Amino acid sequence: MNAEPKTPLVEMRDISISFGGIKAVDHVTIDVHAGEVVGLLGHNGAGKSTLIKCLSGAYRADSGDIYINGQKVVIANPRDARAHNIETIYQTLALADNLDAASNLFLGRELVGAGGFLDDARMEAETRKIMARLNPNFRKFNVPVSALSGGQRQSVAIARAVYFDAKILIMDEPTAALGPHETQMVAELIQELKRQGLGIFLIDHDIHAVMKLCDRASVMKNGQLVGTVNVKDVTDDDILGMIILGKQPAKAQ
């Protein structure tokens, strides 16, 4: 007897959005399961960032539906996305360079003690606790994040999302401009997030990064979905063909 197919953590179903008469996203359906990383690939202008901004609340789709754990939801703005435990880590990371890790983690959501003063000690203790879970080698708690390496900065941004109970994480080119050691650090962070049951959409240009970090890859071209493949079943060249030619590899058809 076949097992029942599991309900995706997120399904974006038949999403379309146009700008000035141009269809940026044209009837696209993608999904991600808990404990899975799905890569979104395509040239600039393929529609991948626009599609994912409909999930983060930055854009409102013209048509189509979003389901979380099988329930239809409305995401009209970033606050709605956050209410559904969706957090976005942009390439710029949106960190305050002059503040330390704890101050960045709680930026805009500071912990306040009795008497209405900031509870710095508790914020640092909470930051140490979440970092011990995500990146046990992180030690630089008392320096501005401007003094951190790229991988350490990613750690802070990811810790902020996870601390505030993200279940669905959108990552925009998380290893761009990082060296091999830093890239490995981010890869280990992503593995840990998978173990904790998060579902991750990873937007990237780098096929090698997607092959290494993702379970499945969805490729877009000219606003349409070329297809979604299991990474272990295809080669770099297969995915390159999907991006450039807009064709699924023969064995995936």
C-alpha atoms as a PDB file:
ATOM      1  CA  MET A   1       0.000   0.000   0.000  1.00  0.00           C
ATOM      2  CA  ASN A   2       1.373   3.440  -0.919  1.00  0.00           C
ATOM      3  CA  ALA A   3       1.941   5.870   1.931  1.00  0.00           C
ATOM      4  CA  GLU A   4      -0.263   8.958   1.871  1.00  0.00           C
ATOM      5  CA  PRO A   5       1.638  11.901   0.354  1.00  0.00           C
ATOM      6  CA  LYS A   6       2.687  14.272   3.126  1.00  0.00           C
ATOM      7  CA  THR A   7       1.121  17.718   3.214  1.00  0.00           C
ATOM      8  CA  PRO A   8       3.694  20.370   2.256  1.00  0.00           C
ATOM      9  CA  LEU A   9       4.664  22.896   4.899  1.00  0.00           C
ATOM     10  CA  VAL A  10       4.055  25.572   2.230  1.00  0.00           C
ATOM     11  CA  GLU A  11       2.451  25.343  -1.164  1.00  0.00           C
ATOM     12  CA  MET A  12       2.276  28.307  -3.520  1.00  0.00           C
ATOM     13  CA  ARG A  13      -0.336  27.207  -6.034  1.00  0.00           C
ATOM     14  CA  ASP A  14      -0.881  28.720  -9.506  1.00  0.00           C
ATOM     15  CA  ILE A  15       0.639  32.085  -8.558  1.00  0.00           C
ATOM     16  CA  SER A  16       0.556  34.912 -11.130  1.00  0.00           C
ATOM     17  CA  ILE A  17       1.612  38.553 -10.815  1.00  0.00           C
ATOM     18  CA  SER A  18       2.020  41.246 -13.469  1.00  0.00           C
ATOM     19  CA  PHE A  19       3.702  44.634 -13.509  1.00  0.00           C
ATOM     20  CA  GLY A  20       2.621  47.078 -16.201  1.00  0.00           C
ATOM     21  CA  GLY A  21       1.113  44.350 -18.348  1.00  0.00           C
ATOM     22  CA  ILE A  22       4.217  42.121 -18.151  1.00  0.00           C
ATOM     23  CA  LYS A  23       3.651  38.766 -16.443  1.00  0.00           C
ATOM     24  CA  ALA A  24       6.543  38.514 -13.970  1.00  0.00           C
ATOM     25  CA  VAL A  25       5.185  35.218 -12.605  1.00  0.00           C
ATOM     26  CA  ASP A  26       2.870  33.123 -14.756  1.00  0.00           C
ATOM     27  CA  HIS A  27       0.828  30.343 -13.077  1.00  0.00           C
ATOM     28  CA  VAL A  28       3.668  28.927 -10.957  1.00  0.00           C
ATOM     29  CA  THR A  29       3.235  26.185  -8.344  1.00  0.00           C
ATOM     30  CA  ILE A  30       6.031  25.269  -5.910  1.00  0.00           C
ATOM     31  CA  ASP A  31       6.145  23.756  -2.445  1.00  0.00           C
ATOM     32  CA  VAL A  32       8.476  22.874   0.418  1.00  0.00           C
ATOM     33  CA  HIS A  33       8.149  20.236   3.142  1.00  0.00           C
ATOM     34  CA  ALA A  34       9.329  20.444   6.752  1.00  0.00           C
ATOM     35  CA  GLY A  35      13.037  19.604   6.990  1.00  0.00           C
ATOM     36  CA  GLU A  36      13.605  20.293   3.276  1.00  0.00           C
ATOM     37  CA  VAL A  37      15.551  22.875   1.260  1.00  0.00           C
ATOM     38  CA  VAL A  38      14.144  23.812  -2.139  1.00  0.00           C
ATOM     39  CA  GLY A  39      16.400  25.860  -4.409  1.00  0.00           C
ATOM     40  CA  LEU A  40      14.920  28.466  -6.745  1.00  0.00           C
ATOM     41  CA  LEU A  41      17.060  29.044  -9.809  1.00  0.00           C
ATOM     42  CA  GLY A  42      16.859  31.120 -12.969  1.00  0.00           C
ATOM     43  CA  HIS A  43      18.423  34.063 -14.759  1.00  0.00           C
ATOM     44  CA  ASN A  44      17.860  37.613 -13.492  1.00  0.00           C
ATOM     45  CA  GLY A  45      14.292  38.481 -14.446  1.00  0.00           C
ATOM     46  CA  ALA A  46      13.174  34.828 -14.442  1.00  0.00           C
ATOM     47  CA  GLY A  47      10.633  35.662 -11.727  1.00  0.00           C
ATOM     48  CA  LYS A  48      12.079  33.727  -8.777  1.00  0.00           C
ATOM     49  CA  SER A  49      12.495  36.732  -6.468  1.00  0.00           C
ATOM     50  CA  THR A  50       9.080  38.117  -7.428  1.00  0.00           C
ATOM     51  CA  LEU A  51       7.458  34.745  -6.713  1.00  0.00           C
ATOM     52  CA  ILE A  52       9.057  34.443  -3.304  1.00  0.00           C
ATOM     53  CA  LYS A  53       8.146  38.046  -2.415  1.00  0.00           C
ATOM     54  CA  CYS A  54       4.507  36.942  -2.639  1.00  0.00           C
ATOM     55  CA  LEU A  55       5.310  34.551   0.218  1.00  0.00           C
ATOM     56  CA  SER A  56       7.264  37.119   2.258  1.00  0.00           C
ATOM     57  CA  GLY A  57       4.442  39.662   1.934  1.00  0.00           C
ATOM     58  CA  ALA A  58       6.453  42.186  -0.086  1.00  0.00           C
ATOM     59  CA  TYR A  59       4.085  41.672  -3.059  1.00  0.00           C
ATOM     60  CA  ARG A  60       0.480  40.536  -3.351  1.00  0.00           C
ATOM     61  CA  ALA A  61      -0.143  38.007  -6.127  1.00  0.00           C
ATOM     62  CA  ASP A  62      -2.814  38.876  -8.718  1.00  0.00           C
ATOM     63  CA  SER A  63      -4.086  35.295  -8.615  1.00  0.00           C
ATOM     64  CA  GLY A  64      -3.264  31.949  -7.040  1.00  0.00           C
ATOM     65  CA  ASP A  65      -3.289  30.680  -3.473  1.00  0.00           C
ATOM     66  CA  ILE A  66      -0.867  30.031  -0.634  1.00  0.00           C
ATOM     67  CA  TYR A  67      -1.360  27.050   1.680  1.00  0.00           C
ATOM     68  CA  ILE A  68       0.482  26.465   4.950  1.00  0.00           C
ATOM     69  CA  ASN A  69       0.140  22.948   6.377  1.00  0.00           C
ATOM     70  CA  GLY A  70      -2.745  22.432   3.947  1.00  0.00           C
ATOM     71  CA  GLN A  71      -4.661  25.504   5.144  1.00  0.00           C
ATOM     72  CA  LYS A  72      -5.278  28.379   2.730  1.00  0.00           C
ATOM     73  CA  VAL A  73      -3.867  31.660   4.076  1.00  0.00           C
ATOM     74  CA  VAL A  74      -3.786  35.291   2.981  1.00  0.00           C
ATOM     75  CA  ILE A  75      -0.431  37.062   3.038  1.00  0.00           C
ATOM     76  CA  ALA A  76      -1.014  40.722   2.234  1.00  0.00           C
ATOM     77  CA  ASN A  77       2.083  42.196   3.916  1.00  0.00           C
ATOM     78  CA  PRO A  78       5.251  41.191   5.812  1.00  0.00           C
ATOM     79  CA  ARG A  79       3.361  41.226   9.121  1.00  0.00           C
ATOM     80  CA  ASP A  80       1.029  38.516   7.808  1.00  0.00           C
ATOM     81  CA  ALA A  81       4.053  36.471   6.719  1.00  0.00           C
ATOM     82  CA  ARG A  82       5.631  36.756  10.142  1.00  0.00           C
ATOM     83  CA  ALA A  83       2.346  35.758  11.798  1.00  0.00           C
ATOM     84  CA  HIS A  84       2.607  32.512   9.793  1.00  0.00           C
ATOM     85  CA  ASN A  85       6.207  31.993  11.012  1.00  0.00           C
ATOM     86  CA  ILE A  86       7.749  32.990   7.676  1.00  0.00           C
ATOM     87  CA  GLU A  87      11.044  34.868   7.983  1.00  0.00           C
ATOM     88  CA  THR A  88      13.226  36.217   5.183  1.00  0.00           C
ATOM     89  CA  ILE A  89      16.999  36.546   5.260  1.00  0.00           C
ATOM     90  CA  TYR A  90      17.957  38.933   2.498  1.00  0.00           C
ATOM     91  CA  GLN A  91      21.381  38.990   0.906  1.00  0.00           C
ATOM     92  CA  THR A  92      22.040  42.337   2.622  1.00  0.00           C
ATOM     93  CA  LEU A  93      21.142  40.618   5.968  1.00  0.00           C
ATOM     94  CA  ALA A  94      19.553  43.830   7.310  1.00  0.00           C
ATOM     95  CA  LEU A  95      21.899  43.962  10.301  1.00  0.00           C
ATOM     96  CA  ALA A  96      22.780  47.126  12.244  1.00  0.00           C
ATOM     97  CA  ASP A  97      26.571  47.198  11.807  1.00  0.00           C
ATOM     98  CA  ASN A  98      27.278  49.253  14.934  1.00  0.00           C
ATOM     99  CA  LEU A  99      25.412  46.901  17.291  1.00  0.00           C
ATOM    100  CA  ASP A 100      26.487  43.547  18.717  1.00  0.00           C
ATOM    101  CA  ALA A 101      24.876  40.154  18.054  1.00  0.00           C
ATOM    102  CA  ALA A 102      22.323  40.361  20.898  1.00  0.00           C
ATOM    103  CA  SER A 103      21.234  43.884  19.969  1.00  0.00           C
ATOM    104  CA  ASN A 104      20.728  42.747  16.367  1.00  0.00           C
ATOM    105  CA  LEU A 105      18.873  39.620  17.390  1.00  0.00           C
ATOM    106  CA  PHE A 106      16.331  41.631  19.376  1.00  0.00           C
ATOM    107  CA  LEU A 107      16.316  44.764  17.169  1.00  0.00           C
ATOM    108  CA  GLY A 108      12.769  46.142  17.264  1.00  0.00           C
ATOM    109  CA  ARG A 109      11.691  43.349  19.627  1.00  0.00           C
ATOM    110  CA  GLU A 110      13.844  44.184  22.661  1.00  0.00           C
ATOM    111  CA  LEU A 111      13.339  42.435  25.994  1.00  0.00           C
ATOM    112  CA  VAL A 112      12.408  44.828  28.790  1.00  0.00           C
ATOM    113  CA  GLY A 113      12.778  44.101  32.497  1.00  0.00           C
ATOM    114  CA  ALA A 114      10.925  45.419  35.516  1.00  0.00           C
ATOM    115  CA  GLY A 115      11.023  49.198  35.548  1.00  0.00           C
ATOM    116  CA  GLY A 116      10.882  49.409  31.758  1.00  0.00           C
ATOM    117  CA  PHE A 117      14.637  49.253  31.134  1.00  0.00           C
ATOM    118  CA  LEU A 118      16.245  47.105  28.441  1.00  0.00           C
ATOM    119  CA  ASP A 119      17.194  43.718  29.865  1.00  0.00           C
ATOM    120  CA  ASP A 120      20.635  43.486  28.242  1.00  0.00           C
ATOM    121  CA  ALA A 121      21.782  40.541  30.369  1.00  0.00           C
ATOM    122  CA  ARG A 122      18.782  38.425  29.392  1.00  0.00           C
ATOM    123  CA  MET A 123      19.103  39.358  25.718  1.00  0.00           C
ATOM    124  CA  GLU A 124      22.761  38.294  25.730  1.00  0.00           C
ATOM    125  CA  ALA A 125      21.923  35.055  27.581  1.00  0.00           C
ATOM    126  CA  GLU A 126      19.188  34.239  25.044  1.00  0.00           C
ATOM    127  CA  THR A 127      21.562  35.025  22.169  1.00  0.00           C
ATOM    128  CA  ARG A 128      24.224  32.705  23.621  1.00  0.00           C
ATOM    129  CA  LYS A 129      21.602  29.970  24.011  1.00  0.00           C
ATOM    130  CA  ILE A 130      20.346  30.127  20.399  1.00  0.00           C
ATOM    131  CA  MET A 131      23.898  30.426  19.044  1.00  0.00           C
ATOM    132  CA  ALA A 132      24.958  27.330  21.020  1.00  0.00           C
ATOM    133  CA  ARG A 133      22.241  25.477  19.114  1.00  0.00           C
ATOM    134  CA  LEU A 134      23.035  26.865  15.665  1.00  0.00           C
ATOM    135  CA  ASN A 135      26.735  27.700  15.606  1.00  0.00           C
ATOM    136  CA  PRO A 136      28.554  26.456  18.726  1.00  0.00           C
ATOM    137  CA  ASN A 137      31.852  28.001  17.546  1.00  0.00           C
ATOM    138  CA  PHE A 138      30.433  31.544  17.634  1.00  0.00           C
ATOM    139  CA  ARG A 139      32.304  33.521  20.295  1.00  0.00           C
ATOM    140  CA  LYS A 140      32.138  37.205  19.310  1.00  0.00           C
ATOM    141  CA  PHE A 141      29.179  38.303  21.385  1.00  0.00           C
ATOM    142  CA  ASN A 142      30.518  41.677  22.473  1.00  0.00           C
ATOM    143  CA  VAL A 143      31.736  43.258  19.246  1.00  0.00           C
ATOM    144  CA  PRO A 144      29.750  45.175  16.607  1.00  0.00           C
ATOM    145  CA  VAL A 145      28.564  42.867  13.825  1.00  0.00           C
ATOM    146  CA  SER A 146      30.638  44.970  11.403  1.00  0.00           C
ATOM    147  CA  ALA A 147      33.672  43.164  12.904  1.00  0.00           C
ATOM    148  CA  LEU A 148      32.238  39.717  12.082  1.00  0.00           C
ATOM    149  CA  SER A 149      33.004  37.574   9.051  1.00  0.00           C
ATOM    150  CA  GLY A 150      30.339  36.962   6.407  1.00  0.00           C
ATOM    151  CA  GLY A 151      29.486  33.522   7.760  1.00  0.00           C
ATOM    152  CA  GLN A 152      29.211  34.834  11.320  1.00  0.00           C
ATOM    153  CA  ARG A 153      26.908  37.614  10.119  1.00  0.00           C
ATOM    154  CA  GLN A 154      24.724  34.984   8.435  1.00  0.00           C
ATOM    155  CA  SER A 155      24.675  33.146  11.782  1.00  0.00           C
ATOM    156  CA  VAL A 156      23.290  36.231  13.519  1.00  0.00           C
ATOM    157  CA  ALA A 157      20.614  36.777  10.854  1.00  0.00           C
ATOM    158  CA  ILE A 158      19.585  33.110  10.949  1.00  0.00           C
ATOM    159  CA  ALA A 159      19.577  33.064  14.765  1.00  0.00           C
ATOM    160  CA  ARG A 160      17.226  36.060  14.774  1.00  0.00           C
ATOM    161  CA  ALA A 161      14.774  34.243  12.486  1.00  0.00           C
ATOM    162  CA  VAL A 162      14.918  30.982  14.442  1.00  0.00           C
ATOM    163  CA  TYR A 163      14.654  32.659  17.846  1.00  0.00           C
ATOM    164  CA  PHE A 164      11.374  34.257  16.778  1.00  0.00           C
ATOM    165  CA  ASP A 165      10.035  30.848  15.815  1.00  0.00           C
ATOM    166  CA  ALA A 166      10.488  30.760  12.059  1.00  0.00           C
ATOM    167  CA  LYS A 167       9.115  27.564  10.539  1.00  0.00           C
ATOM    168  CA  ILE A 168       9.572  28.717   6.945  1.00  0.00           C
ATOM    169  CA  LEU A 169      12.784  30.450   5.956  1.00  0.00           C
ATOM    170  CA  ILE A 170      13.455  32.331   2.735  1.00  0.00           C
ATOM    171  CA  MET A 171      17.189  32.711   2.072  1.00  0.00           C
ATOM    172  CA  ASP A 172      18.477  34.967  -0.702  1.00  0.00           C
ATOM    173  CA  GLU A 173      21.886  33.810  -1.991  1.00  0.00           C
ATOM    174  CA  PRO A 174      23.184  32.898   1.485  1.00  0.00           C
ATOM    175  CA  THR A 175      26.707  31.991   0.291  1.00  0.00           C
ATOM    176  CA  ALA A 176      27.239  34.845  -2.197  1.00  0.00           C
ATOM    177  CA  ALA A 177      30.641  36.529  -1.696  1.00  0.00           C
ATOM    178  CA  LEU A 178      31.697  34.026   0.991  1.00  0.00           C
ATOM    179  CA  GLY A 179      34.958  32.053   0.948  1.00  0.00           C
ATOM    180  CA  PRO A 180      35.043  28.218   1.121  1.00  0.00           C
ATOM    181  CA  HIS A 181      35.295  28.067   4.941  1.00  0.00           C
ATOM    182  CA  GLU A 182      32.437  30.547   5.398  1.00  0.00           C
ATOM    183  CA  THR A 183      30.330  28.740   2.798  1.00  0.00           C
ATOM    184  CA  GLN A 184      30.841  25.506   4.716  1.00  0.00           C
ATOM    185  CA  MET A 185      29.730  27.255   7.922  1.00  0.00           C
ATOM    186  CA  VAL A 186      26.493  28.356   6.252  1.00  0.00           C
ATOM    187  CA  ALA A 187      25.995  24.827   4.826  1.00  0.00           C
ATOM    188  CA  GLU A 188      26.258  23.425   8.358  1.00  0.00           C
ATOM    189  CA  LEU A 189      23.762  26.021   9.627  1.00  0.00           C
ATOM    190  CA  ILE A 190      21.299  24.991   6.920  1.00  0.00           C
ATOM    191  CA  GLN A 191      21.738  21.304   7.828  1.00  0.00           C
ATOM    192  CA  GLU A 192      20.976  22.157  11.460  1.00  0.00           C
ATOM    193  CA  LEU A 193      17.835  24.086  10.451  1.00  0.00           C
ATOM    194  CA  LYS A 194      16.697  21.059   8.419  1.00  0.00           C
ATOM    195  CA  ARG A 195      17.202  18.819  11.453  1.00  0.00           C
ATOM    196  CA  GLN A 196      15.008  21.209  13.429  1.00  0.00           C
ATOM    197  CA  GLY A 197      12.246  20.752  10.838  1.00  0.00           C
ATOM    198  CA  LEU A 198      12.303  24.126   9.090  1.00  0.00           C
ATOM    199  CA  GLY A 199      11.314  24.372   5.444  1.00  0.00           C
ATOM    200  CA  ILE A 200      13.706  26.553   3.449  1.00  0.00           C
ATOM    201  CA  PHE A 201      13.357  28.251   0.072  1.00  0.00           C
ATOM    202  CA  LEU A 202      16.838  29.159  -1.145  1.00  0.00           C
ATOM    203  CA  ILE A 203      17.110  31.650  -4.026  1.00  0.00           C
ATOM    204  CA  ASP A 204      20.435  31.321  -5.814  1.00  0.00           C
ATOM    205  CA  HIS A 205      22.299  31.800  -9.084  1.00  0.00           C
ATOM    206  CA  ASP A 206      24.988  29.312  -8.159  1.00  0.00           C
ATOM    207  CA  ILE A 207      24.151  25.803  -9.406  1.00  0.00           C
ATOM    208  CA  HIS A 208      26.965  24.289  -7.296  1.00  0.00           C
ATOM    209  CA  ALA A 209      25.518  25.860  -4.120  1.00  0.00           C
ATOM    210  CA  VAL A 210      22.058  24.524  -4.955  1.00  0.00           C
ATOM    211  CA  MET A 211      23.406  21.023  -5.721  1.00  0.00           C
ATOM    212  CA  LYS A 212      25.192  21.027  -2.368  1.00  0.00           C
ATOM    213  CA  LEU A 213      22.567  22.633  -0.142  1.00  0.00           C
ATOM    214  CA  CYS A 214      19.188  21.664  -1.611  1.00  0.00           C
ATOM    215  CA  ASP A 215      17.000  18.573  -1.750  1.00  0.00           C
ATOM    216  CA  ARG A 216      15.009  19.765  -4.742  1.00  0.00           C
ATOM    217  CA  ALA A 217      15.469  22.540  -7.285  1.00  0.00           C
ATOM    218  CA  SER A 218      12.728  24.539  -9.018  1.00  0.00           C
ATOM    219  CA  VAL A 219      13.863  26.386 -12.137  1.00  0.00           C
ATOM    220  CA  MET A 220      12.102  29.420 -13.584  1.00  0.00           C
ATOM    221  CA  LYS A 221      12.449  31.068 -16.983  1.00  0.00           C
ATOM    222  CA  ASN A 222      10.503  34.062 -18.325  1.00  0.00           C
ATOM    223  CA  GLY A 223       8.130  33.991 -15.355  1.00  0.00           C
ATOM    224  CA  GLN A 224       7.194  30.346 -15.811  1.00  0.00           C
ATOM    225  CA  LEU A 225       8.212  27.198 -13.967  1.00  0.00           C
ATOM    226  CA  VAL A 226      10.428  24.999 -16.148  1.00  0.00           C
ATOM    227  CA  GLY A 227      10.169  22.201 -13.604  1.00  0.00           C
ATOM    228  CA  THR A 228      11.140  20.885 -10.180  1.00  0.00           C
ATOM    229  CA  VAL A 229      13.704  18.082  -9.852  1.00  0.00           C
ATOM    230  CA  ASN A 230      15.266  16.041  -7.076  1.00  0.00           C
ATOM    231  CA  VAL A 231      18.847  17.261  -6.867  1.00  0.00           C
ATOM    232  CA  LYS A 232      20.244  13.762  -6.365  1.00  0.00           C
ATOM    233  CA  ASP A 233      18.668  12.629  -9.664  1.00  0.00           C
ATOM    234  CA  VAL A 234      20.234  15.287 -11.913  1.00  0.00           C
ATOM    235  CA  THR A 235      23.615  16.767 -12.856  1.00  0.00           C
ATOM    236  CA  ASP A 236      24.814  20.367 -12.897  1.00  0.00           C
ATOM    237  CA  ASP A 237      24.434  20.259 -16.701  1.00  0.00           C
ATOM    238  CA  ASP A 238      20.816  19.097 -16.417  1.00  0.00           C
ATOM    239  CA  ILE A 239      19.983  22.123 -14.280  1.00  0.00           C
ATOM    240  CA  LEU A 240      21.986  24.426 -16.553  1.00  0.00           C
ATOM    241  CA  GLY A 241      19.888  23.150 -19.472  1.00  0.00           C
ATOM    242  CA  MET A 242      16.720  23.953 -17.551  1.00  0.00           C
ATOM    243  CA  ILE A 243      17.942  27.503 -16.846  1.00  0.00           C
ATOM    244  CA  ILE A 244      19.228  28.261 -20.375  1.00  0.00           C
ATOM    245  CA  LEU A 245      16.969  26.175 -22.636  1.00  0.00           C
ATOM    246  CA  GLY A 246      13.903  26.021 -20.434  1.00  0.00           C
ATOM    247  CA  LYS A 247      13.702  22.260 -20.850  1.00  0.00           C
ATOM    248  CA  GLN A 248      13.427  19.514 -18.264  1.00  0.00           C
ATOM    249  CA  PRO A 249      16.159  16.859 -18.378  1.00  0.00           C
ATOM    250  CA  ALA A 250      15.026  13.797 -20.349  1.00  0.00           C
ATOM    251  CA  LYS A 251      15.009  11.493 -17.307  1.00  0.00           C
ATOM    252  CA  ALA A 252      12.891  13.930 -15.278  1.00  0.00           C
ATOM    253  CA  GLN A 253      10.131  14.226 -17.893  1.00  0.00           C
END
